[in-house]
């Protein structure tokens, strides 16, 4: 049986570029690098569709600001850990039942545009 979340409404935050300390190598621990964040928030926003009121939806501007603050002030070694922290932050929103977080680290591997980690978390 399929999860009802697969058919829920979604809010996407796409290609949010933030700079942070991320990586295991010595040089990565000294200089901030670009990380590109994509977030899909699974939520029921039918009420907001009827009322046209932000109080009945997820305020994605607030989510974006919180994610930027978290990431810019972080210094994790692994993208996996950073993705986990971003997901946990998103799940604090009352309407969000599930989140998909994809983090790209451009230029992490020679000959590759980026390396990415994607995680899925639910309440």
PDB file of N, CA and C in Angstrom:
ATOM      1  N   UNK A   1       0.837  -1.185   0.000  1.00  0.00           N
ATOM      2  CA  UNK A   1       0.000   0.000   0.000  1.00  0.00           C
ATOM      3  C   UNK A   1       0.883   1.251   0.000  1.00  0.00           C
ATOM      4  N   UNK A   2       0.563   2.200  -0.850  1.00  0.00           N
ATOM      5  CA  UNK A   2       1.364   3.425  -0.962  1.00  0.00           C
ATOM      6  C   UNK A   2       1.089   4.367   0.190  1.00  0.00           C
ATOM      7  N   UNK A   3       2.105   5.084   0.591  1.00  0.00           N
ATOM      8  CA  UNK A   3       1.958   6.091   1.632  1.00  0.00           C
ATOM      9  C   UNK A   3       1.103   7.237   1.114  1.00  0.00           C
ATOM     10  N   UNK A   4       0.235   7.749   1.987  1.00  0.00           N
ATOM     11  CA  UNK A   4      -0.578   8.900   1.580  1.00  0.00           C
ATOM     12  C   UNK A   4       0.287  10.138   1.380  1.00  0.00           C
ATOM     13  N   UNK A   5       1.480  10.142   1.967  1.00  0.00           N
ATOM     14  CA  UNK A   5       2.384  11.280   1.773  1.00  0.00           C
ATOM     15  C   UNK A   5       2.826  11.411   0.324  1.00  0.00           C
ATOM     16  N   UNK A   6       2.861  10.301  -0.399  1.00  0.00           N
ATOM     17  CA  UNK A   6       3.261  10.357  -1.807  1.00  0.00           C
ATOM     18  C   UNK A   6       2.286  11.190  -2.627  1.00  0.00           C
ATOM     19  N   UNK A   7       1.052  11.320  -2.112  1.00  0.00           N
ATOM     20  CA  UNK A   7       0.029  12.075  -2.835  1.00  0.00           C
ATOM     21  C   UNK A   7      -0.281  13.408  -2.168  1.00  0.00           C
ATOM     22  N   UNK A   8       0.552  13.803  -1.222  1.00  0.00           N
ATOM     23  CA  UNK A   8       0.293  15.063  -0.532  1.00  0.00           C
ATOM     24  C   UNK A   8       0.848  16.234  -1.336  1.00  0.00           C
ATOM     25  N   UNK A   9       0.504  17.403  -0.864  1.00  0.00           N
ATOM     26  CA  UNK A   9       1.022  18.619  -1.479  1.00  0.00           C
ATOM     27  C   UNK A   9       2.503  18.751  -1.150  1.00  0.00           C
ATOM     28  N   UNK A  10       3.192  19.476  -1.992  1.00  0.00           N
ATOM     29  CA  UNK A  10       4.628  19.663  -1.796  1.00  0.00           C
ATOM     30  C   UNK A  10       4.988  21.127  -2.017  1.00  0.00           C
ATOM     31  N   UNK A  11       5.923  21.589  -1.220  1.00  0.00           N
ATOM     32  CA  UNK A  11       6.537  22.901  -1.420  1.00  0.00           C
ATOM     33  C   UNK A  11       8.013  22.640  -1.689  1.00  0.00           C
ATOM     34  N   UNK A  12       8.534  23.202  -2.765  1.00  0.00           N
ATOM     35  CA  UNK A  12       9.931  23.003  -3.144  1.00  0.00           C
ATOM     36  C   UNK A  12      10.725  24.294  -2.920  1.00  0.00           C
ATOM     37  N   UNK A  13      11.865  24.150  -2.310  1.00  0.00           N
ATOM     38  CA  UNK A  13      12.854  25.231  -2.265  1.00  0.00           C
ATOM     39  C   UNK A  13      14.006  24.715  -3.111  1.00  0.00           C
ATOM     40  N   UNK A  14      14.266  25.389  -4.235  1.00  0.00           N
ATOM     41  CA  UNK A  14      15.213  24.864  -5.214  1.00  0.00           C
ATOM     42  C   UNK A  14      16.468  25.719  -5.331  1.00  0.00           C
ATOM     43  N   UNK A  15      17.595  25.015  -5.388  1.00  0.00           N
ATOM     44  CA  UNK A  15      18.889  25.620  -5.695  1.00  0.00           C
ATOM     45  C   UNK A  15      19.260  26.786  -4.781  1.00  0.00           C
ATOM     46  N   UNK A  16      19.081  26.579  -3.490  1.00  0.00           N
ATOM     47  CA  UNK A  16      19.493  27.557  -2.495  1.00  0.00           C
ATOM     48  C   UNK A  16      20.995  27.411  -2.287  1.00  0.00           C
ATOM     49  N   UNK A  17      21.751  28.444  -2.631  1.00  0.00           N
ATOM     50  CA  UNK A  17      23.214  28.361  -2.511  1.00  0.00           C
ATOM     51  C   UNK A  17      23.661  29.039  -1.232  1.00  0.00           C
ATOM     52  N   UNK A  18      24.392  28.280  -0.426  1.00  0.00           N
ATOM     53  CA  UNK A  18      24.877  28.765   0.858  1.00  0.00           C
ATOM     54  C   UNK A  18      26.352  28.379   0.972  1.00  0.00           C
ATOM     55  N   UNK A  19      27.114  29.168   1.727  1.00  0.00           N
ATOM     56  CA  UNK A  19      28.538  28.874   1.924  1.00  0.00           C
ATOM     57  C   UNK A  19      28.756  28.434   3.369  1.00  0.00           C
ATOM     58  N   UNK A  20      29.572  27.381   3.526  1.00  0.00           N
ATOM     59  CA  UNK A  20      29.855  26.875   4.862  1.00  0.00           C
ATOM     60  C   UNK A  20      31.155  26.085   4.867  1.00  0.00           C
ATOM     61  N   UNK A  21      31.622  25.799   6.066  1.00  0.00           N
ATOM     62  CA  UNK A  21      32.748  24.882   6.240  1.00  0.00           C
ATOM     63  C   UNK A  21      32.176  23.473   6.151  1.00  0.00           C
ATOM     64  N   UNK A  22      32.659  22.693   5.192  1.00  0.00           N
ATOM     65  CA  UNK A  22      32.183  21.315   5.025  1.00  0.00           C
ATOM     66  C   UNK A  22      33.301  20.495   4.392  1.00  0.00           C
ATOM     67  N   UNK A  23      33.574  19.344   4.956  1.00  0.00           N
ATOM     68  CA  UNK A  23      34.583  18.473   4.374  1.00  0.00           C
ATOM     69  C   UNK A  23      35.522  17.906   5.414  1.00  0.00           C
ATOM     70  N   UNK A  24      36.262  16.899   4.993  1.00  0.00           N
ATOM     71  CA  UNK A  24      37.153  16.188   5.910  1.00  0.00           C
ATOM     72  C   UNK A  24      38.624  16.579   5.737  1.00  0.00           C
ATOM     73  N   UNK A  25      38.944  17.217   4.620  1.00  0.00           N
ATOM     74  CA  UNK A  25      40.339  17.593   4.363  1.00  0.00           C
ATOM     75  C   UNK A  25      40.687  18.911   5.050  1.00  0.00           C
ATOM     76  N   UNK A  26      41.957  19.055   5.389  1.00  0.00           N
ATOM     77  CA  UNK A  26      42.426  20.227   6.125  1.00  0.00           C
ATOM     78  C   UNK A  26      42.044  21.539   5.437  1.00  0.00           C
ATOM     79  N   UNK A  27      42.245  21.618   4.121  1.00  0.00           N
ATOM     80  CA  UNK A  27      41.931  22.857   3.404  1.00  0.00           C
ATOM     81  C   UNK A  27      40.430  23.155   3.396  1.00  0.00           C
ATOM     82  N   UNK A  28      39.600  22.110   3.489  1.00  0.00           N
ATOM     83  CA  UNK A  28      38.152  22.304   3.535  1.00  0.00           C
ATOM     84  C   UNK A  28      37.703  22.844   4.888  1.00  0.00           C
ATOM     85  N   UNK A  29      38.516  22.693   5.901  1.00  0.00           N
ATOM     86  CA  UNK A  29      38.182  23.137   7.247  1.00  0.00           C
ATOM     87  C   UNK A  29      38.518  24.608   7.462  1.00  0.00           C
ATOM     88  N   UNK A  30      39.207  25.211   6.475  1.00  0.00           N
ATOM     89  CA  UNK A  30      39.671  26.595   6.618  1.00  0.00           C
ATOM     90  C   UNK A  30      38.855  27.602   5.821  1.00  0.00           C
ATOM     91  N   UNK A  31      38.315  27.179   4.698  1.00  0.00           N
ATOM     92  CA  UNK A  31      37.651  28.108   3.783  1.00  0.00           C
ATOM     93  C   UNK A  31      36.236  27.626   3.467  1.00  0.00           C
ATOM     94  N   UNK A  32      35.277  28.548   3.533  1.00  0.00           N
ATOM     95  CA  UNK A  32      33.887  28.188   3.229  1.00  0.00           C
ATOM     96  C   UNK A  32      33.750  27.784   1.768  1.00  0.00           C
ATOM     97  N   UNK A  33      32.872  26.815   1.541  1.00  0.00           N
ATOM     98  CA  UNK A  33      32.596  26.311   0.198  1.00  0.00           C
ATOM     99  C   UNK A  33      31.108  26.450  -0.106  1.00  0.00           C
ATOM    100  N   UNK A  34      30.784  26.445  -1.389  1.00  0.00           N
ATOM    101  CA  UNK A  34      29.387  26.481  -1.806  1.00  0.00           C
ATOM    102  C   UNK A  34      28.729  25.128  -1.570  1.00  0.00           C
ATOM    103  N   UNK A  35      27.506  25.191  -1.089  1.00  0.00           N
ATOM    104  CA  UNK A  35      26.647  24.019  -0.992  1.00  0.00           C
ATOM    105  C   UNK A  35      25.311  24.435  -1.599  1.00  0.00           C
ATOM    106  N   UNK A  36      24.764  23.609  -2.460  1.00  0.00           N
ATOM    107  CA  UNK A  36      23.475  23.889  -3.089  1.00  0.00           C
ATOM    108  C   UNK A  36      22.435  22.977  -2.446  1.00  0.00           C
ATOM    109  N   UNK A  37      21.379  23.590  -1.956  1.00  0.00           N
ATOM    110  CA  UNK A  37      20.367  22.864  -1.186  1.00  0.00           C
ATOM    111  C   UNK A  37      19.048  22.852  -1.940  1.00  0.00           C
ATOM    112  N   UNK A  38      18.468  21.654  -2.033  1.00  0.00           N
ATOM    113  CA  UNK A  38      17.125  21.487  -2.568  1.00  0.00           C
ATOM    114  C   UNK A  38      16.301  20.780  -1.513  1.00  0.00           C
ATOM    115  N   UNK A  39      15.119  21.338  -1.255  1.00  0.00           N
ATOM    116  CA  UNK A  39      14.253  20.818  -0.206  1.00  0.00           C
ATOM    117  C   UNK A  39      12.856  20.625  -0.771  1.00  0.00           C
ATOM    118  N   UNK A  40      12.264  19.474  -0.475  1.00  0.00           N
ATOM    119  CA  UNK A  40      10.859  19.239  -0.781  1.00  0.00           C
ATOM    120  C   UNK A  40      10.145  18.984   0.534  1.00  0.00           C
ATOM    121  N   UNK A  41       9.173  19.842   0.831  1.00  0.00           N
ATOM    122  CA  UNK A  41       8.385  19.742   2.052  1.00  0.00           C
ATOM    123  C   UNK A  41       7.036  19.119   1.704  1.00  0.00           C
ATOM    124  N   UNK A  42       6.715  17.994   2.319  1.00  0.00           N
ATOM    125  CA  UNK A  42       5.426  17.339   2.117  1.00  0.00           C
ATOM    126  C   UNK A  42       4.476  17.835   3.199  1.00  0.00           C
ATOM    127  N   UNK A  43       3.370  18.431   2.775  1.00  0.00           N
ATOM    128  CA  UNK A  43       2.437  19.005   3.732  1.00  0.00           C
ATOM    129  C   UNK A  43       1.054  19.117   3.113  1.00  0.00           C
ATOM    130  N   UNK A  44       0.069  19.230   3.962  1.00  0.00           N
ATOM    131  CA  UNK A  44      -1.305  19.421   3.506  1.00  0.00           C
ATOM    132  C   UNK A  44      -1.586  20.919   3.518  1.00  0.00           C
ATOM    133  N   UNK A  45      -1.640  21.503   2.339  1.00  0.00           N
ATOM    134  CA  UNK A  45      -1.874  22.951   2.252  1.00  0.00           C
ATOM    135  C   UNK A  45      -3.228  23.271   1.607  1.00  0.00           C
ATOM    136  N   UNK A  46      -4.151  22.308   1.686  1.00  0.00           N
ATOM    137  CA  UNK A  46      -5.484  22.547   1.111  1.00  0.00           C
ATOM    138  C   UNK A  46      -6.191  23.730   1.766  1.00  0.00           C
ATOM    139  N   UNK A  47      -6.050  23.858   3.091  1.00  0.00           N
ATOM    140  CA  UNK A  47      -6.699  24.974   3.781  1.00  0.00           C
ATOM    141  C   UNK A  47      -6.151  26.302   3.267  1.00  0.00           C
ATOM    142  N   UNK A  48      -4.840  26.394   3.086  1.00  0.00           N
ATOM    143  CA  UNK A  48      -4.235  27.622   2.556  1.00  0.00           C
ATOM    144  C   UNK A  48      -4.739  27.923   1.144  1.00  0.00           C
ATOM    145  N   UNK A  49      -4.984  26.885   0.376  1.00  0.00           N
ATOM    146  CA  UNK A  49      -5.515  27.083  -0.980  1.00  0.00           C
ATOM    147  C   UNK A  49      -6.905  27.735  -0.933  1.00  0.00           C
ATOM    148  N   UNK A  50      -7.663  27.409   0.101  1.00  0.00           N
ATOM    149  CA  UNK A  50      -9.006  27.993   0.246  1.00  0.00           C
ATOM    150  C   UNK A  50      -8.957  29.388   0.864  1.00  0.00           C
ATOM    151  N   UNK A  51      -8.132  29.555   1.915  1.00  0.00           N
ATOM    152  CA  UNK A  51      -8.153  30.808   2.673  1.00  0.00           C
ATOM    153  C   UNK A  51      -7.239  31.880   2.096  1.00  0.00           C
ATOM    154  N   UNK A  52      -6.250  31.461   1.308  1.00  0.00           N
ATOM    155  CA  UNK A  52      -5.263  32.393   0.755  1.00  0.00           C
ATOM    156  C   UNK A  52      -4.506  33.109   1.877  1.00  0.00           C
ATOM    157  N   UNK A  53      -4.266  32.384   2.978  1.00  0.00           N
ATOM    158  CA  UNK A  53      -3.604  32.961   4.145  1.00  0.00           C
ATOM    159  C   UNK A  53      -2.332  32.181   4.472  1.00  0.00           C
ATOM    160  N   UNK A  54      -1.249  32.898   4.710  1.00  0.00           N
ATOM    161  CA  UNK A  54       0.029  32.264   5.024  1.00  0.00           C
ATOM    162  C   UNK A  54      -0.043  31.485   6.332  1.00  0.00           C
ATOM    163  N   UNK A  55      -0.919  31.862   7.247  1.00  0.00           N
ATOM    164  CA  UNK A  55      -1.011  31.141   8.517  1.00  0.00           C
ATOM    165  C   UNK A  55      -1.521  29.712   8.332  1.00  0.00           C
ATOM    166  N   UNK A  56      -2.073  29.415   7.182  1.00  0.00           N
ATOM    167  CA  UNK A  56      -2.572  28.071   6.892  1.00  0.00           C
ATOM    168  C   UNK A  56      -1.607  27.276   6.011  1.00  0.00           C
ATOM    169  N   UNK A  57      -0.413  27.809   5.826  1.00  0.00           N
ATOM    170  CA  UNK A  57       0.580  27.147   4.986  1.00  0.00           C
ATOM    171  C   UNK A  57       1.926  27.113   5.723  1.00  0.00           C
ATOM    172  N   UNK A  58       2.931  26.639   5.022  1.00  0.00           N
ATOM    173  CA  UNK A  58       4.295  26.675   5.525  1.00  0.00           C
ATOM    174  C   UNK A  58       4.934  27.947   4.988  1.00  0.00           C
ATOM    175  N   UNK A  59       5.460  28.746   5.864  1.00  0.00           N
ATOM    176  CA  UNK A  59       6.106  29.983   5.425  1.00  0.00           C
ATOM    177  C   UNK A  59       7.507  29.620   4.920  1.00  0.00           C
ATOM    178  N   UNK A  60       7.627  29.438   3.623  1.00  0.00           N
ATOM    179  CA  UNK A  60       8.901  28.981   3.061  1.00  0.00           C
ATOM    180  C   UNK A  60       9.991  30.035   3.155  1.00  0.00           C
ATOM    181  N   UNK A  61       9.622  31.291   3.305  1.00  0.00           N
ATOM    182  CA  UNK A  61      10.637  32.326   3.516  1.00  0.00           C
ATOM    183  C   UNK A  61      11.295  32.133   4.882  1.00  0.00           C
ATOM    184  N   UNK A  62      10.510  31.804   5.878  1.00  0.00           N
ATOM    185  CA  UNK A  62      11.048  31.533   7.214  1.00  0.00           C
ATOM    186  C   UNK A  62      11.913  30.280   7.194  1.00  0.00           C
ATOM    187  N   UNK A  63      11.452  29.239   6.515  1.00  0.00           N
ATOM    188  CA  UNK A  63      12.233  27.999   6.400  1.00  0.00           C
ATOM    189  C   UNK A  63      13.578  28.307   5.740  1.00  0.00           C
ATOM    190  N   UNK A  64      13.549  29.070   4.664  1.00  0.00           N
ATOM    191  CA  UNK A  64      14.788  29.436   3.955  1.00  0.00           C
ATOM    192  C   UNK A  64      15.752  30.177   4.868  1.00  0.00           C
ATOM    193  N   UNK A  65      15.257  31.165   5.599  1.00  0.00           N
ATOM    194  CA  UNK A  65      16.117  31.939   6.507  1.00  0.00           C
ATOM    195  C   UNK A  65      16.726  31.044   7.581  1.00  0.00           C
ATOM    196  N   UNK A  66      15.912  30.136   8.131  1.00  0.00           N
ATOM    197  CA  UNK A  66      16.410  29.224   9.176  1.00  0.00           C
ATOM    198  C   UNK A  66      17.468  28.275   8.624  1.00  0.00           C
ATOM    199  N   UNK A  67      17.244  27.767   7.414  1.00  0.00           N
ATOM    200  CA  UNK A  67      18.213  26.863   6.785  1.00  0.00           C
ATOM    201  C   UNK A  67      19.518  27.598   6.516  1.00  0.00           C
ATOM    202  N   UNK A  68      19.436  28.807   5.980  1.00  0.00           N
ATOM    203  CA  UNK A  68      20.640  29.593   5.705  1.00  0.00           C
ATOM    204  C   UNK A  68      21.423  29.825   6.995  1.00  0.00           C
ATOM    205  N   UNK A  69      20.740  30.214   8.050  1.00  0.00           N
ATOM    206  CA  UNK A  69      21.404  30.454   9.329  1.00  0.00           C
ATOM    207  C   UNK A  69      22.084  29.183   9.840  1.00  0.00           C
ATOM    208  N   UNK A  70      21.382  28.073   9.789  1.00  0.00           N
ATOM    209  CA  UNK A  70      21.951  26.799  10.238  1.00  0.00           C
ATOM    210  C   UNK A  70      23.204  26.448   9.439  1.00  0.00           C
ATOM    211  N   UNK A  71      23.095  26.485   8.122  1.00  0.00           N
ATOM    212  CA  UNK A  71      24.189  26.044   7.253  1.00  0.00           C
ATOM    213  C   UNK A  71      25.382  26.989   7.343  1.00  0.00           C
ATOM    214  N   UNK A  72      25.144  28.300   7.268  1.00  0.00           N
ATOM    215  CA  UNK A  72      26.254  29.255   7.310  1.00  0.00           C
ATOM    216  C   UNK A  72      27.053  29.161   8.607  1.00  0.00           C
ATOM    217  N   UNK A  73      26.403  28.764   9.681  1.00  0.00           N
ATOM    218  CA  UNK A  73      27.070  28.691  10.981  1.00  0.00           C
ATOM    219  C   UNK A  73      27.538  27.282  11.337  1.00  0.00           C
ATOM    220  N   UNK A  74      27.417  26.354  10.397  1.00  0.00           N
ATOM    221  CA  UNK A  74      27.812  24.969  10.656  1.00  0.00           C
ATOM    222  C   UNK A  74      29.259  24.735  10.239  1.00  0.00           C
ATOM    223  N   UNK A  75      29.795  23.628  10.695  1.00  0.00           N
ATOM    224  CA  UNK A  75      31.141  23.219  10.263  1.00  0.00           C
ATOM    225  C   UNK A  75      31.247  21.695  10.353  1.00  0.00           C
ATOM    226  N   UNK A  76      30.316  21.020   9.706  1.00  0.00           N
ATOM    227  CA  UNK A  76      30.294  19.562   9.727  1.00  0.00           C
ATOM    228  C   UNK A  76      31.349  19.000   8.783  1.00  0.00           C
ATOM    229  N   UNK A  77      31.716  17.787   9.022  1.00  0.00           N
ATOM    230  CA  UNK A  77      32.666  17.083   8.162  1.00  0.00           C
ATOM    231  C   UNK A  77      31.952  16.450   6.968  1.00  0.00           C
ATOM    232  N   UNK A  78      30.740  15.962   7.181  1.00  0.00           N
ATOM    233  CA  UNK A  78      30.034  15.212   6.135  1.00  0.00           C
ATOM    234  C   UNK A  78      28.775  15.919   5.656  1.00  0.00           C
ATOM    235  N   UNK A  79      28.537  15.839   4.351  1.00  0.00           N
ATOM    236  CA  UNK A  79      27.272  16.316   3.785  1.00  0.00           C
ATOM    237  C   UNK A  79      26.097  15.586   4.414  1.00  0.00           C
ATOM    238  N   UNK A  80      26.296  14.311   4.721  1.00  0.00           N
ATOM    239  CA  UNK A  80      25.228  13.501   5.311  1.00  0.00           C
ATOM    240  C   UNK A  80      24.728  14.123   6.615  1.00  0.00           C
ATOM    241  N   UNK A  81      25.657  14.544   7.453  1.00  0.00           N
ATOM    242  CA  UNK A  81      25.267  15.144   8.735  1.00  0.00           C
ATOM    243  C   UNK A  81      24.576  16.481   8.522  1.00  0.00           C
ATOM    244  N   UNK A  82      25.087  17.277   7.607  1.00  0.00           N
ATOM    245  CA  UNK A  82      24.457  18.564   7.321  1.00  0.00           C
ATOM    246  C   UNK A  82      23.041  18.353   6.794  1.00  0.00           C
ATOM    247  N   UNK A  83      22.857  17.391   5.908  1.00  0.00           N
ATOM    248  CA  UNK A  83      21.523  17.083   5.370  1.00  0.00           C
ATOM    249  C   UNK A  83      20.569  16.672   6.496  1.00  0.00           C
ATOM    250  N   UNK A  84      21.052  15.877   7.424  1.00  0.00           N
ATOM    251  CA  UNK A  84      20.240  15.433   8.564  1.00  0.00           C
ATOM    252  C   UNK A  84      19.778  16.623   9.407  1.00  0.00           C
ATOM    253  N   UNK A  85      20.674  17.569   9.636  1.00  0.00           N
ATOM    254  CA  UNK A  85      20.327  18.751  10.434  1.00  0.00           C
ATOM    255  C   UNK A  85      19.309  19.635   9.703  1.00  0.00           C
ATOM    256  N   UNK A  86      19.465  19.787   8.397  1.00  0.00           N
ATOM    257  CA  UNK A  86      18.507  20.570   7.610  1.00  0.00           C
ATOM    258  C   UNK A  86      17.139  19.894   7.649  1.00  0.00           C
ATOM    259  N   UNK A  87      17.107  18.573   7.492  1.00  0.00           N
ATOM    260  CA  UNK A  87      15.840  17.838   7.535  1.00  0.00           C
ATOM    261  C   UNK A  87      15.151  18.005   8.884  1.00  0.00           C
ATOM    262  N   UNK A  88      15.915  17.873   9.963  1.00  0.00           N
ATOM    263  CA  UNK A  88      15.347  18.017  11.306  1.00  0.00           C
ATOM    264  C   UNK A  88      14.754  19.410  11.501  1.00  0.00           C
ATOM    265  N   UNK A  89      15.436  20.419  10.992  1.00  0.00           N
ATOM    266  CA  UNK A  89      14.932  21.785  11.077  1.00  0.00           C
ATOM    267  C   UNK A  89      13.599  21.919  10.337  1.00  0.00           C
ATOM    268  N   UNK A  90      13.525  21.358   9.145  1.00  0.00           N
ATOM    269  CA  UNK A  90      12.293  21.441   8.346  1.00  0.00           C
ATOM    270  C   UNK A  90      11.126  20.716   9.017  1.00  0.00           C
ATOM    271  N   UNK A  91      11.412  19.598   9.668  1.00  0.00           N
ATOM    272  CA  UNK A  91      10.355  18.815  10.314  1.00  0.00           C
ATOM    273  C   UNK A  91       9.814  19.490  11.568  1.00  0.00           C
ATOM    274  N   UNK A  92      10.453  20.549  12.029  1.00  0.00           N
ATOM    275  CA  UNK A  92       9.920  21.307  13.163  1.00  0.00           C
ATOM    276  C   UNK A  92       8.675  22.109  12.772  1.00  0.00           C
ATOM    277  N   UNK A  93       8.525  22.361  11.467  1.00  0.00           N
ATOM    278  CA  UNK A  93       7.325  23.057  10.986  1.00  0.00           C
ATOM    279  C   UNK A  93       6.115  22.146  11.191  1.00  0.00           C
ATOM    280  N   UNK A  94       5.075  22.655  11.808  1.00  0.00           N
ATOM    281  CA  UNK A  94       3.941  21.807  12.191  1.00  0.00           C
ATOM    282  C   UNK A  94       3.253  21.131  11.008  1.00  0.00           C
ATOM    283  N   UNK A  95       3.158  21.787   9.881  1.00  0.00           N
ATOM    284  CA  UNK A  95       2.461  21.194   8.731  1.00  0.00           C
ATOM    285  C   UNK A  95       3.311  20.214   7.935  1.00  0.00           C
ATOM    286  N   UNK A  96       4.628  20.244   8.134  1.00  0.00           N
ATOM    287  CA  UNK A  96       5.522  19.385   7.356  1.00  0.00           C
ATOM    288  C   UNK A  96       5.531  17.981   7.958  1.00  0.00           C
ATOM    289  N   UNK A  97       5.153  16.998   7.147  1.00  0.00           N
ATOM    290  CA  UNK A  97       5.092  15.605   7.600  1.00  0.00           C
ATOM    291  C   UNK A  97       6.270  14.780   7.094  1.00  0.00           C
ATOM    292  N   UNK A  98       6.870  15.228   5.997  1.00  0.00           N
ATOM    293  CA  UNK A  98       7.986  14.515   5.377  1.00  0.00           C
ATOM    294  C   UNK A  98       8.832  15.544   4.649  1.00  0.00           C
ATOM    295  N   UNK A  99      10.140  15.273   4.549  1.00  0.00           N
ATOM    296  CA  UNK A  99      11.021  16.190   3.846  1.00  0.00           C
ATOM    297  C   UNK A  99      12.058  15.381   3.063  1.00  0.00           C
ATOM    298  N   UNK A 100      12.371  15.874   1.892  1.00  0.00           N
ATOM    299  CA  UNK A 100      13.496  15.356   1.119  1.00  0.00           C
ATOM    300  C   UNK A 100      14.501  16.490   1.015  1.00  0.00           C
ATOM    301  N   UNK A 101      15.724  16.219   1.438  1.00  0.00           N
ATOM    302  CA  UNK A 101      16.793  17.216   1.390  1.00  0.00           C
ATOM    303  C   UNK A 101      17.897  16.671   0.491  1.00  0.00           C
ATOM    304  N   UNK A 102      18.289  17.452  -0.499  1.00  0.00           N
ATOM    305  CA  UNK A 102      19.418  17.115  -1.360  1.00  0.00           C
ATOM    306  C   UNK A 102      20.449  18.225  -1.233  1.00  0.00           C
ATOM    307  N   UNK A 103      21.672  17.832  -0.895  1.00  0.00           N
ATOM    308  CA  UNK A 103      22.781  18.779  -0.791  1.00  0.00           C
ATOM    309  C   UNK A 103      23.803  18.451  -1.855  1.00  0.00           C
ATOM    310  N   UNK A 104      24.163  19.441  -2.646  1.00  0.00           N
ATOM    311  CA  UNK A 104      25.207  19.289  -3.651  1.00  0.00           C
ATOM    312  C   UNK A 104      26.435  20.068  -3.211  1.00  0.00           C
ATOM    313  N   UNK A 105      27.587  19.465  -3.413  1.00  0.00           N
ATOM    314  CA  UNK A 105      28.862  20.131  -3.143  1.00  0.00           C
ATOM    315  C   UNK A 105      29.592  20.224  -4.490  1.00  0.00           C
ATOM    316  N   UNK A 106      29.459  21.380  -5.168  1.00  0.00           N
ATOM    317  CA  UNK A 106      30.078  21.535  -6.488  1.00  0.00           C
ATOM    318  C   UNK A 106      31.599  21.398  -6.410  1.00  0.00           C
ATOM    319  N   UNK A 107      32.154  20.743  -7.394  1.00  0.00           N
ATOM    320  CA  UNK A 107      33.598  20.631  -7.486  1.00  0.00           C
ATOM    321  C   UNK A 107      34.250  19.709  -6.467  1.00  0.00           C
ATOM    322  N   UNK A 108      33.475  18.914  -5.767  1.00  0.00           N
ATOM    323  CA  UNK A 108      34.045  18.027  -4.743  1.00  0.00           C
ATOM    324  C   UNK A 108      34.898  16.922  -5.351  1.00  0.00           C
ATOM    325  N   UNK A 109      34.546  16.513  -6.557  1.00  0.00           N
ATOM    326  CA  UNK A 109      35.309  15.473  -7.249  1.00  0.00           C
ATOM    327  C   UNK A 109      35.783  15.995  -8.601  1.00  0.00           C
ATOM    328  N   UNK A 110      37.004  15.708  -8.900  1.00  0.00           N
ATOM    329  CA  UNK A 110      37.551  16.086 -10.205  1.00  0.00           C
ATOM    330  C   UNK A 110      36.750  15.381 -11.297  1.00  0.00           C
ATOM    331  N   UNK A 111      36.443  16.086 -12.349  1.00  0.00           N
ATOM    332  CA  UNK A 111      35.695  15.615 -13.513  1.00  0.00           C
ATOM    333  C   UNK A 111      34.198  15.439 -13.247  1.00  0.00           C
ATOM    334  N   UNK A 112      33.722  15.807 -12.069  1.00  0.00           N
ATOM    335  CA  UNK A 112      32.291  15.734 -11.766  1.00  0.00           C
ATOM    336  C   UNK A 112      31.790  17.140 -11.418  1.00  0.00           C
ATOM    337  N   UNK A 113      30.607  17.467 -11.891  1.00  0.00           N
ATOM    338  CA  UNK A 113      30.016  18.779 -11.586  1.00  0.00           C
ATOM    339  C   UNK A 113      29.825  18.950 -10.086  1.00  0.00           C
ATOM    340  N   UNK A 114      29.367  17.884  -9.424  1.00  0.00           N
ATOM    341  CA  UNK A 114      29.173  17.957  -7.977  1.00  0.00           C
ATOM    342  C   UNK A 114      29.024  16.550  -7.407  1.00  0.00           C
ATOM    343  N   UNK A 115      29.033  16.503  -6.093  1.00  0.00           N
ATOM    344  CA  UNK A 115      28.662  15.311  -5.340  1.00  0.00           C
ATOM    345  C   UNK A 115      27.418  15.699  -4.571  1.00  0.00           C
ATOM    346  N   UNK A 116      26.446  14.803  -4.499  1.00  0.00           N
ATOM    347  CA  UNK A 116      25.207  15.125  -3.803  1.00  0.00           C
ATOM    348  C   UNK A 116      24.816  14.005  -2.845  1.00  0.00           C
ATOM    349  N   UNK A 117      24.166  14.413  -1.761  1.00  0.00           N
ATOM    350  CA  UNK A 117      23.579  13.489  -0.804  1.00  0.00           C
ATOM    351  C   UNK A 117      22.099  13.837  -0.725  1.00  0.00           C
ATOM    352  N   UNK A 118      21.254  12.818  -0.780  1.00  0.00           N
ATOM    353  CA  UNK A 118      19.811  13.017  -0.642  1.00  0.00           C
ATOM    354  C   UNK A 118      19.299  12.148   0.486  1.00  0.00           C
ATOM    355  N   UNK A 119      18.536  12.751   1.400  1.00  0.00           N
ATOM    356  CA  UNK A 119      17.929  11.991   2.474  1.00  0.00           C
ATOM    357  C   UNK A 119      16.428  12.276   2.528  1.00  0.00           C
ATOM    358  N   UNK A 120      15.696  11.323   3.057  1.00  0.00           N
ATOM    359  CA  UNK A 120      14.261  11.425   3.232  1.00  0.00           C
ATOM    360  C   UNK A 120      13.966  11.171   4.700  1.00  0.00           C
ATOM    361  N   UNK A 121      13.234  12.083   5.325  1.00  0.00           N
ATOM    362  CA  UNK A 121      12.873  11.918   6.733  1.00  0.00           C
ATOM    363  C   UNK A 121      11.393  12.223   6.907  1.00  0.00           C
ATOM    364  N   UNK A 122      10.757  11.507   7.842  1.00  0.00           N
ATOM    365  CA  UNK A 122       9.341  11.719   8.147  1.00  0.00           C
ATOM    366  C   UNK A 122       9.158  11.877   9.639  1.00  0.00           C
ATOM    367  N   UNK A 123       8.056  12.540  10.011  1.00  0.00           N
ATOM    368  CA  UNK A 123       7.709  12.647  11.436  1.00  0.00           C
ATOM    369  C   UNK A 123       7.189  11.319  11.911  1.00  0.00           C
TER     370      UNK A 123
END
